[in-house]
Amino acid sequence: MPIFLWSIGSNAIDYSNGHIIPGTTFLEFFTSSVLGSALVSIIHFLFAIIGSVIAWLILKLKEGK
């Protein structure tokens, strides 16, 4: 959840600074921001799970020795 909020906040700052494609409506920008933030959150979650599994496997290997 924090990475989602961080990404939304980053997009909101970009919008307020005018760093958008000319002609983009607020609804288009908002929809793209939410979907992009969801994608970033999913990717972050997957890497966190992979890292946790790797750490768990390392601990299991150390316990076996």
PDB file of N, CA and C in Angstrom:
ATOM      1  N   MET A   1       0.806  -1.195   0.000  1.00  0.00           N
ATOM      2  CA  MET A   1       0.000   0.000   0.000  1.00  0.00           C
ATOM      3  C   MET A   1       0.859   1.275   0.000  1.00  0.00           C
ATOM      4  N   PRO A   2       1.955   1.332   0.787  1.00  0.00           N
ATOM      5  CA  PRO A   2       2.756   2.565   0.756  1.00  0.00           C
ATOM      6  C   PRO A   2       3.340   2.863  -0.626  1.00  0.00           C
ATOM      7  N   ILE A   3       3.762   1.828  -1.360  1.00  0.00           N
ATOM      8  CA  ILE A   3       4.337   2.084  -2.680  1.00  0.00           C
ATOM      9  C   ILE A   3       3.266   2.612  -3.634  1.00  0.00           C
ATOM     10  N   PHE A   4       2.024   2.142  -3.466  1.00  0.00           N
ATOM     11  CA  PHE A   4       0.909   2.634  -4.290  1.00  0.00           C
ATOM     12  C   PHE A   4       0.672   4.113  -4.010  1.00  0.00           C
ATOM     13  N   LEU A   5       0.629   4.472  -2.732  1.00  0.00           N
ATOM     14  CA  LEU A   5       0.409   5.875  -2.363  1.00  0.00           C
ATOM     15  C   LEU A   5       1.571   6.757  -2.808  1.00  0.00           C
ATOM     16  N   TRP A   6       2.794   6.248  -2.684  1.00  0.00           N
ATOM     17  CA  TRP A   6       3.957   7.003  -3.140  1.00  0.00           C
ATOM     18  C   TRP A   6       3.865   7.266  -4.646  1.00  0.00           C
ATOM     19  N   SER A   7       3.480   6.258  -5.399  1.00  0.00           N
ATOM     20  CA  SER A   7       3.380   6.406  -6.848  1.00  0.00           C
ATOM     21  C   SER A   7       2.260   7.380  -7.233  1.00  0.00           C
ATOM     22  N   ILE A   8       1.130   7.283  -6.554  1.00  0.00           N
ATOM     23  CA  ILE A   8       0.027   8.228  -6.802  1.00  0.00           C
ATOM     24  C   ILE A   8       0.485   9.651  -6.476  1.00  0.00           C
ATOM     25  N   GLY A   9       1.169   9.805  -5.347  1.00  0.00           N
ATOM     26  CA  GLY A   9       1.668  11.130  -4.965  1.00  0.00           C
ATOM     27  C   GLY A   9       2.651  11.686  -5.967  1.00  0.00           C
ATOM     28  N   SER A  10       3.523  10.832  -6.472  1.00  0.00           N
ATOM     29  CA  SER A  10       4.484  11.257  -7.487  1.00  0.00           C
ATOM     30  C   SER A  10       3.768  11.717  -8.761  1.00  0.00           C
ATOM     31  N   ASN A  11       2.751  10.979  -9.142  1.00  0.00           N
ATOM     32  CA  ASN A  11       1.978  11.361 -10.334  1.00  0.00           C
ATOM     33  C   ASN A  11       1.206  12.656 -10.100  1.00  0.00           C
ATOM     34  N   ALA A  12       0.686  12.853  -8.887  1.00  0.00           N
ATOM     35  CA  ALA A  12      -0.042  14.085  -8.571  1.00  0.00           C
ATOM     36  C   ALA A  12       0.891  15.293  -8.639  1.00  0.00           C
ATOM     37  N   ILE A  13       2.125  15.118  -8.168  1.00  0.00           N
ATOM     38  CA  ILE A  13       3.102  16.210  -8.247  1.00  0.00           C
ATOM     39  C   ILE A  13       3.438  16.516  -9.709  1.00  0.00           C
ATOM     40  N   ASP A  14       3.597  15.475 -10.516  1.00  0.00           N
ATOM     41  CA  ASP A  14       3.838  15.686 -11.947  1.00  0.00           C
ATOM     42  C   ASP A  14       2.689  16.458 -12.586  1.00  0.00           C
ATOM     43  N   TYR A  15       1.467  16.107 -12.220  1.00  0.00           N
ATOM     44  CA  TYR A  15       0.297  16.789 -12.774  1.00  0.00           C
ATOM     45  C   TYR A  15       0.269  18.252 -12.358  1.00  0.00           C
ATOM     46  N   SER A  16       0.550  18.507 -11.074  1.00  0.00           N
ATOM     47  CA  SER A  16       0.506  19.893 -10.594  1.00  0.00           C
ATOM     48  C   SER A  16       1.633  20.740 -11.177  1.00  0.00           C
ATOM     49  N   ASN A  17       2.746  20.100 -11.550  1.00  0.00           N
ATOM     50  CA  ASN A  17       3.853  20.835 -12.160  1.00  0.00           C
ATOM     51  C   ASN A  17       3.698  20.982 -13.668  1.00  0.00           C
ATOM     52  N   GLY A  18       2.655  20.379 -14.223  1.00  0.00           N
ATOM     53  CA  GLY A  18       2.404  20.497 -15.654  1.00  0.00           C
ATOM     54  C   GLY A  18       3.197  19.527 -16.505  1.00  0.00           C
ATOM     55  N   HIS A  19       3.715  18.463 -15.917  1.00  0.00           N
ATOM     56  CA  HIS A  19       4.514  17.480 -16.652  1.00  0.00           C
ATOM     57  C   HIS A  19       3.602  16.409 -17.238  1.00  0.00           C
ATOM     58  N   ILE A  20       2.696  16.832 -18.092  1.00  0.00           N
ATOM     59  CA  ILE A  20       1.757  15.908 -18.720  1.00  0.00           C
ATOM     60  C   ILE A  20       1.732  16.165 -20.218  1.00  0.00           C
ATOM     61  N   ILE A  21       1.167  15.231 -20.941  1.00  0.00           N
ATOM     62  CA  ILE A  21       1.026  15.397 -22.389  1.00  0.00           C
ATOM     63  C   ILE A  21      -0.077  16.429 -22.636  1.00  0.00           C
ATOM     64  N   PRO A  22       0.185  17.438 -23.449  1.00  0.00           N
ATOM     65  CA  PRO A  22      -0.856  18.449 -23.728  1.00  0.00           C
ATOM     66  C   PRO A  22      -2.115  17.796 -24.281  1.00  0.00           C
ATOM     67  N   GLY A  23      -3.250  18.260 -23.816  1.00  0.00           N
ATOM     68  CA  GLY A  23      -4.526  17.738 -24.279  1.00  0.00           C
ATOM     69  C   GLY A  23      -5.051  16.584 -23.449  1.00  0.00           C
ATOM     70  N   THR A  24      -4.286  16.149 -22.457  1.00  0.00           N
ATOM     71  CA  THR A  24      -4.728  15.062 -21.589  1.00  0.00           C
ATOM     72  C   THR A  24      -5.706  15.610 -20.559  1.00  0.00           C
ATOM     73  N   THR A  25      -6.866  14.972 -20.460  1.00  0.00           N
ATOM     74  CA  THR A  25      -7.848  15.418 -19.469  1.00  0.00           C
ATOM     75  C   THR A  25      -7.457  14.875 -18.097  1.00  0.00           C
ATOM     76  N   PHE A  26      -8.072  15.463 -17.071  1.00  0.00           N
ATOM     77  CA  PHE A  26      -7.777  15.016 -15.717  1.00  0.00           C
ATOM     78  C   PHE A  26      -8.193  13.557 -15.529  1.00  0.00           C
ATOM     79  N   LEU A  27      -9.344  13.173 -16.080  1.00  0.00           N
ATOM     80  CA  LEU A  27      -9.816  11.794 -15.924  1.00  0.00           C
ATOM     81  C   LEU A  27      -8.860  10.807 -16.589  1.00  0.00           C
ATOM     82  N   GLU A  28      -8.356  11.142 -17.763  1.00  0.00           N
ATOM     83  CA  GLU A  28      -7.379  10.272 -18.433  1.00  0.00           C
ATOM     84  C   GLU A  28      -6.102  10.157 -17.602  1.00  0.00           C
ATOM     85  N   PHE A  29      -5.640  11.292 -17.097  1.00  0.00           N
ATOM     86  CA  PHE A  29      -4.423  11.287 -16.292  1.00  0.00           C
ATOM     87  C   PHE A  29      -4.630  10.493 -15.009  1.00  0.00           C
ATOM     88  N   PHE A  30      -5.778  10.683 -14.356  1.00  0.00           N
ATOM     89  CA  PHE A  30      -6.070   9.984 -13.104  1.00  0.00           C
ATOM     90  C   PHE A  30      -6.159   8.477 -13.325  1.00  0.00           C
ATOM     91  N   THR A  31      -6.858   8.073 -14.387  1.00  0.00           N
ATOM     92  CA  THR A  31      -6.988   6.648 -14.687  1.00  0.00           C
ATOM     93  C   THR A  31      -5.627   6.029 -14.973  1.00  0.00           C
ATOM     94  N   SER A  32      -4.849   6.696 -15.774  1.00  0.00           N
ATOM     95  CA  SER A  32      -3.515   6.181 -16.093  1.00  0.00           C
ATOM     96  C   SER A  32      -2.626   6.151 -14.853  1.00  0.00           C
ATOM     97  N   SER A  33      -2.772   7.121 -13.966  1.00  0.00           N
ATOM     98  CA  SER A  33      -1.986   7.148 -12.728  1.00  0.00           C
ATOM     99  C   SER A  33      -2.356   5.988 -11.813  1.00  0.00           C
ATOM    100  N   VAL A  34      -3.646   5.724 -11.672  1.00  0.00           N
ATOM    101  CA  VAL A  34      -4.091   4.629 -10.802  1.00  0.00           C
ATOM    102  C   VAL A  34      -3.639   3.290 -11.367  1.00  0.00           C
ATOM    103  N   LEU A  35      -3.818   3.089 -12.664  1.00  0.00           N
ATOM    104  CA  LEU A  35      -3.397   1.827 -13.276  1.00  0.00           C
ATOM    105  C   LEU A  35      -1.880   1.661 -13.222  1.00  0.00           C
ATOM    106  N   GLY A  36      -1.145   2.723 -13.487  1.00  0.00           N
ATOM    107  CA  GLY A  36       0.311   2.665 -13.411  1.00  0.00           C
ATOM    108  C   GLY A  36       0.790   2.402 -11.993  1.00  0.00           C
ATOM    109  N   SER A  37       0.156   3.028 -11.020  1.00  0.00           N
ATOM    110  CA  SER A  37       0.521   2.813  -9.624  1.00  0.00           C
ATOM    111  C   SER A  37       0.212   1.384  -9.187  1.00  0.00           C
ATOM    112  N   ALA A  38      -0.901   0.841  -9.683  1.00  0.00           N
ATOM    113  CA  ALA A  38      -1.237  -0.548  -9.371  1.00  0.00           C
ATOM    114  C   ALA A  38      -0.185  -1.487  -9.955  1.00  0.00           C
ATOM    115  N   LEU A  39       0.258  -1.211 -11.180  1.00  0.00           N
ATOM    116  CA  LEU A  39       1.291  -2.033 -11.809  1.00  0.00           C
ATOM    117  C   LEU A  39       2.605  -1.967 -11.032  1.00  0.00           C
ATOM    118  N   VAL A  40       2.997  -0.773 -10.625  1.00  0.00           N
ATOM    119  CA  VAL A  40       4.217  -0.610  -9.828  1.00  0.00           C
ATOM    120  C   VAL A  40       4.092  -1.376  -8.511  1.00  0.00           C
ATOM    121  N   SER A  41       2.922  -1.321  -7.890  1.00  0.00           N
ATOM    122  CA  SER A  41       2.702  -2.031  -6.636  1.00  0.00           C
ATOM    123  C   SER A  41       2.779  -3.542  -6.819  1.00  0.00           C
ATOM    124  N   ILE A  42       2.202  -4.044  -7.898  1.00  0.00           N
ATOM    125  CA  ILE A  42       2.239  -5.484  -8.174  1.00  0.00           C
ATOM    126  C   ILE A  42       3.673  -5.944  -8.416  1.00  0.00           C
ATOM    127  N   ILE A  43       4.427  -5.193  -9.201  1.00  0.00           N
ATOM    128  CA  ILE A  43       5.820  -5.553  -9.467  1.00  0.00           C
ATOM    129  C   ILE A  43       6.620  -5.532  -8.158  1.00  0.00           C
ATOM    130  N   HIS A  44       6.421  -4.513  -7.336  1.00  0.00           N
ATOM    131  CA  HIS A  44       7.110  -4.414  -6.053  1.00  0.00           C
ATOM    132  C   HIS A  44       6.751  -5.603  -5.165  1.00  0.00           C
ATOM    133  N   PHE A  45       5.477  -5.972  -5.128  1.00  0.00           N
ATOM    134  CA  PHE A  45       5.020  -7.101  -4.324  1.00  0.00           C
ATOM    135  C   PHE A  45       5.674  -8.400  -4.793  1.00  0.00           C
ATOM    136  N   LEU A  46       5.730  -8.614  -6.104  1.00  0.00           N
ATOM    137  CA  LEU A  46       6.331  -9.838  -6.632  1.00  0.00           C
ATOM    138  C   LEU A  46       7.815  -9.941  -6.275  1.00  0.00           C
ATOM    139  N   PHE A  47       8.549  -8.845  -6.399  1.00  0.00           N
ATOM    140  CA  PHE A  47       9.961  -8.867  -6.036  1.00  0.00           C
ATOM    141  C   PHE A  47      10.140  -9.081  -4.534  1.00  0.00           C
ATOM    142  N   ALA A  48       9.242  -8.527  -3.716  1.00  0.00           N
ATOM    143  CA  ALA A  48       9.319  -8.742  -2.268  1.00  0.00           C
ATOM    144  C   ALA A  48       9.069 -10.208  -1.933  1.00  0.00           C
ATOM    145  N   ILE A  49       8.108 -10.828  -2.598  1.00  0.00           N
ATOM    146  CA  ILE A  49       7.830 -12.252  -2.366  1.00  0.00           C
ATOM    147  C   ILE A  49       9.020 -13.097  -2.805  1.00  0.00           C
ATOM    148  N   ILE A  50       9.577 -12.801  -3.953  1.00  0.00           N
ATOM    149  CA  ILE A  50      10.741 -13.552  -4.445  1.00  0.00           C
ATOM    150  C   ILE A  50      11.908 -13.419  -3.465  1.00  0.00           C
ATOM    151  N   GLY A  51      12.160 -12.219  -2.985  1.00  0.00           N
ATOM    152  CA  GLY A  51      13.231 -12.001  -2.011  1.00  0.00           C
ATOM    153  C   GLY A  51      12.986 -12.748  -0.716  1.00  0.00           C
ATOM    154  N   SER A  52      11.737 -12.772  -0.273  1.00  0.00           N
ATOM    155  CA  SER A  52      11.401 -13.501   0.950  1.00  0.00           C
ATOM    156  C   SER A  52      11.601 -15.003   0.777  1.00  0.00           C
ATOM    157  N   VAL A  53      11.230 -15.524  -0.370  1.00  0.00           N
ATOM    158  CA  VAL A  53      11.415 -16.956  -0.636  1.00  0.00           C
ATOM    159  C   VAL A  53      12.899 -17.298  -0.679  1.00  0.00           C
ATOM    160  N   ILE A  54      13.691 -16.450  -1.310  1.00  0.00           N
ATOM    161  CA  ILE A  54      15.141 -16.684  -1.359  1.00  0.00           C
ATOM    162  C   ILE A  54      15.729 -16.675   0.053  1.00  0.00           C
ATOM    163  N   ALA A  55      15.337 -15.701   0.868  1.00  0.00           N
ATOM    164  CA  ALA A  55      15.844 -15.632   2.244  1.00  0.00           C
ATOM    165  C   ALA A  55      15.395 -16.848   3.041  1.00  0.00           C
ATOM    166  N   TRP A  56      14.153 -17.268   2.864  1.00  0.00           N
ATOM    167  CA  TRP A  56      13.641 -18.442   3.563  1.00  0.00           C
ATOM    168  C   TRP A  56      14.425 -19.701   3.159  1.00  0.00           C
ATOM    169  N   LEU A  57      14.708 -19.834   1.857  1.00  0.00           N
ATOM    170  CA  LEU A  57      15.480 -20.990   1.388  1.00  0.00           C
ATOM    171  C   LEU A  57      16.897 -20.983   1.949  1.00  0.00           C
ATOM    172  N   ILE A  58      17.512 -19.814   2.024  1.00  0.00           N
ATOM    173  CA  ILE A  58      18.858 -19.715   2.601  1.00  0.00           C
ATOM    174  C   ILE A  58      18.833 -20.128   4.068  1.00  0.00           C
ATOM    175  N   LEU A  59      17.829 -19.669   4.805  1.00  0.00           N
ATOM    176  CA  LEU A  59      17.708 -20.059   6.217  1.00  0.00           C
ATOM    177  C   LEU A  59      17.497 -21.570   6.349  1.00  0.00           C
ATOM    178  N   LYS A  60      16.689 -22.142   5.496  1.00  0.00           N
ATOM    179  CA  LYS A  60      16.456 -23.597   5.537  1.00  0.00           C
ATOM    180  C   LYS A  60      17.729 -24.364   5.223  1.00  0.00           C
ATOM    181  N   LEU A  61      18.519 -23.855   4.285  1.00  0.00           N
ATOM    182  CA  LEU A  61      19.780 -24.521   3.958  1.00  0.00           C
ATOM    183  C   LEU A  61      20.763 -24.440   5.123  1.00  0.00           C
ATOM    184  N   LYS A  62      20.801 -23.307   5.821  1.00  0.00           N
ATOM    185  CA  LYS A  62      21.694 -23.150   6.979  1.00  0.00           C
ATOM    186  C   LYS A  62      21.259 -24.022   8.136  1.00  0.00           C
ATOM    187  N   GLU A  63      19.967 -24.229   8.313  1.00  0.00           N
ATOM    188  CA  GLU A  63      19.462 -25.081   9.389  1.00  0.00           C
ATOM    189  C   GLU A  63      19.840 -26.534   9.149  1.00  0.00           C
ATOM    190  N   GLY A  64      19.915 -26.932   7.901  1.00  0.00           N
ATOM    191  CA  GLY A  64      20.216 -28.313   7.568  1.00  0.00           C
ATOM    192  C   GLY A  64      21.670 -28.695   7.791  1.00  0.00           C
ATOM    193  N   LYS A  65      22.560 -27.738   7.905  1.00  0.00           N
ATOM    194  CA  LYS A  65      23.994 -28.021   8.040  1.00  0.00           C
ATOM    195  C   LYS A  65      24.388 -28.233   9.458  1.00  0.00           C
TER     196      LYS A  65
END
